[in-house]
Amino acid sequence: MTLVVLLLYTCTDSTQFNYNPLANADNSSCTPFVFGCTDPSMLNYDPMSNTEDFSCIEFIYGCMDTLAINYDSLANTENESCVAISTAI
């Protein structure tokens, strides 16, 4: 009887992002965990992240000009709505 062992080449390091528990041969393809915001609709989206760390920040649109009458201290994204303070009489 001949025993045939099929080799499954992939990442065999259980501390890596793409670890495959079924692998029986390592091919040096392991990818480390990169934590960050993985939601592309968020302000701080990180396209290099492969593991969500729940740090995502929603866009808050508003006037970010501290000299404008409608300055919004909670805004993190300018929306061009600022209204200048007029000193004309």
C-alpha atoms as a PDB file:
ATOM      1  CA  MET A   1       0.000   0.000   0.000  1.00  0.00           C
ATOM      2  CA  THR A   2       1.345   3.390  -0.978  1.00  0.00           C
ATOM      3  CA  LEU A   3       0.570   6.379   1.195  1.00  0.00           C
ATOM      4  CA  VAL A   4       0.041   9.589  -0.747  1.00  0.00           C
ATOM      5  CA  VAL A   5       0.302  12.845   1.147  1.00  0.00           C
ATOM      6  CA  LEU A   6      -1.038  15.887  -0.627  1.00  0.00           C
ATOM      7  CA  LEU A   7       0.792  19.029   0.316  1.00  0.00           C
ATOM      8  CA  LEU A   8      -1.237  22.147   0.971  1.00  0.00           C
ATOM      9  CA  TYR A   9       1.171  25.047   0.632  1.00  0.00           C
ATOM     10  CA  THR A  10       0.076  28.165   2.478  1.00  0.00           C
ATOM     11  CA  CYS A  11       0.694  29.962   5.765  1.00  0.00           C
ATOM     12  CA  THR A  12       1.287  27.617   8.698  1.00  0.00           C
ATOM     13  CA  ASP A  13       1.997  30.293  11.331  1.00  0.00           C
ATOM     14  CA  SER A  14      -1.030  30.524  13.654  1.00  0.00           C
ATOM     15  CA  THR A  15      -0.090  34.064  14.709  1.00  0.00           C
ATOM     16  CA  GLN A  16      -0.562  35.433  11.186  1.00  0.00           C
ATOM     17  CA  PHE A  17      -3.639  36.924   9.500  1.00  0.00           C
ATOM     18  CA  ASN A  18      -3.874  34.336   6.736  1.00  0.00           C
ATOM     19  CA  TYR A  19      -3.069  31.242   8.807  1.00  0.00           C
ATOM     20  CA  ASN A  20      -4.601  28.091   7.383  1.00  0.00           C
ATOM     21  CA  PRO A  21      -5.062  25.273   9.921  1.00  0.00           C
ATOM     22  CA  LEU A  22      -5.360  22.787   7.068  1.00  0.00           C
ATOM     23  CA  ALA A  23      -1.940  23.655   5.669  1.00  0.00           C
ATOM     24  CA  ASN A  24       0.813  21.100   6.005  1.00  0.00           C
ATOM     25  CA  ALA A  25       3.557  22.950   4.097  1.00  0.00           C
ATOM     26  CA  ASP A  26       4.573  26.570   4.505  1.00  0.00           C
ATOM     27  CA  ASN A  27       5.119  28.696   1.394  1.00  0.00           C
ATOM     28  CA  SER A  28       6.283  31.898   3.119  1.00  0.00           C
ATOM     29  CA  SER A  29       3.034  33.668   2.242  1.00  0.00           C
ATOM     30  CA  CYS A  30       2.128  34.633   5.811  1.00  0.00           C
ATOM     31  CA  THR A  31       0.650  38.097   6.262  1.00  0.00           C
ATOM     32  CA  PRO A  32       0.840  39.871   9.633  1.00  0.00           C
ATOM     33  CA  PHE A  33      -2.233  41.355  11.291  1.00  0.00           C
ATOM     34  CA  VAL A  34      -2.567  45.054  10.491  1.00  0.00           C
ATOM     35  CA  PHE A  35      -5.110  46.647  12.800  1.00  0.00           C
ATOM     36  CA  GLY A  36      -7.090  49.712  11.793  1.00  0.00           C
ATOM     37  CA  CYS A  37     -10.355  50.982  10.375  1.00  0.00           C
ATOM     38  CA  THR A  38     -11.418  48.694   7.528  1.00  0.00           C
ATOM     39  CA  ASP A  39     -14.621  50.558   6.575  1.00  0.00           C
ATOM     40  CA  PRO A  40     -14.001  52.612   3.393  1.00  0.00           C
ATOM     41  CA  SER A  41     -16.908  54.938   4.225  1.00  0.00           C
ATOM     42  CA  MET A  42     -15.181  56.241   7.362  1.00  0.00           C
ATOM     43  CA  LEU A  43     -12.909  59.267   7.839  1.00  0.00           C
ATOM     44  CA  ASN A  44      -9.910  57.271   9.027  1.00  0.00           C
ATOM     45  CA  TYR A  45     -10.244  54.272   6.686  1.00  0.00           C
ATOM     46  CA  ASP A  46      -6.895  52.505   6.330  1.00  0.00           C
ATOM     47  CA  PRO A  47      -6.613  50.489   3.100  1.00  0.00           C
ATOM     48  CA  MET A  48      -3.546  48.727   4.524  1.00  0.00           C
ATOM     49  CA  SER A  49      -5.544  47.279   7.447  1.00  0.00           C
ATOM     50  CA  ASN A  50      -6.774  43.716   7.300  1.00  0.00           C
ATOM     51  CA  THR A  51      -8.219  43.501  10.815  1.00  0.00           C
ATOM     52  CA  GLU A  52     -10.887  45.828  12.204  1.00  0.00           C
ATOM     53  CA  ASP A  53      -9.922  47.496  15.487  1.00  0.00           C
ATOM     54  CA  PHE A  54     -13.190  49.458  15.907  1.00  0.00           C
ATOM     55  CA  SER A  55     -11.401  52.809  15.672  1.00  0.00           C
ATOM     56  CA  CYS A  56     -13.472  54.054  12.731  1.00  0.00           C
ATOM     57  CA  ILE A  57     -14.567  57.696  12.853  1.00  0.00           C
ATOM     58  CA  GLU A  58     -17.640  58.875  10.983  1.00  0.00           C
ATOM     59  CA  PHE A  59     -17.482  61.969   8.800  1.00  0.00           C
ATOM     60  CA  ILE A  60     -19.008  64.988  10.534  1.00  0.00           C
ATOM     61  CA  TYR A  61     -19.485  67.710   7.950  1.00  0.00           C
ATOM     62  CA  GLY A  62     -19.543  71.347   8.895  1.00  0.00           C
ATOM     63  CA  CYS A  63     -17.723  74.640   8.930  1.00  0.00           C
ATOM     64  CA  MET A  64     -14.212  74.248  10.334  1.00  0.00           C
ATOM     65  CA  ASP A  65     -13.181  77.908  10.116  1.00  0.00           C
ATOM     66  CA  THR A  66     -12.866  79.122  13.720  1.00  0.00           C
ATOM     67  CA  LEU A  67     -13.420  82.705  12.553  1.00  0.00           C
ATOM     68  CA  ALA A  68     -16.758  81.948  10.867  1.00  0.00           C
ATOM     69  CA  ILE A  69     -20.091  82.681  12.528  1.00  0.00           C
ATOM     70  CA  ASN A  70     -21.266  79.105  11.985  1.00  0.00           C
ATOM     71  CA  TYR A  71     -18.066  77.359  13.137  1.00  0.00           C
ATOM     72  CA  ASP A  72     -18.804  73.771  14.166  1.00  0.00           C
ATOM     73  CA  SER A  73     -16.343  72.484  16.751  1.00  0.00           C
ATOM     74  CA  LEU A  74     -17.596  68.916  16.229  1.00  0.00           C
ATOM     75  CA  ALA A  75     -16.910  68.911  12.472  1.00  0.00           C
ATOM     76  CA  ASN A  76     -13.992  66.887  11.165  1.00  0.00           C
ATOM     77  CA  THR A  77     -14.657  67.498   7.467  1.00  0.00           C
ATOM     78  CA  GLU A  78     -15.084  70.895   5.833  1.00  0.00           C
ATOM     79  CA  ASN A  79     -18.266  71.293   3.789  1.00  0.00           C
ATOM     80  CA  GLU A  80     -17.710  74.841   2.487  1.00  0.00           C
ATOM     81  CA  SER A  81     -20.686  76.174   4.457  1.00  0.00           C
ATOM     82  CA  CYS A  82     -18.741  78.770   6.454  1.00  0.00           C
ATOM     83  CA  VAL A  83     -20.246  82.224   6.779  1.00  0.00           C
ATOM     84  CA  ALA A  84     -17.791  85.026   7.432  1.00  0.00           C
ATOM     85  CA  ILE A  85     -18.434  87.425  10.286  1.00  0.00           C
ATOM     86  CA  SER A  86     -19.132  90.841   8.818  1.00  0.00           C
ATOM     87  CA  THR A  87     -17.992  93.977  10.568  1.00  0.00           C
ATOM     88  CA  ALA A  88     -19.690  96.282   8.041  1.00  0.00           C
ATOM     89  CA  ILE A  89     -22.463  98.544   9.351  1.00  0.00           C
END
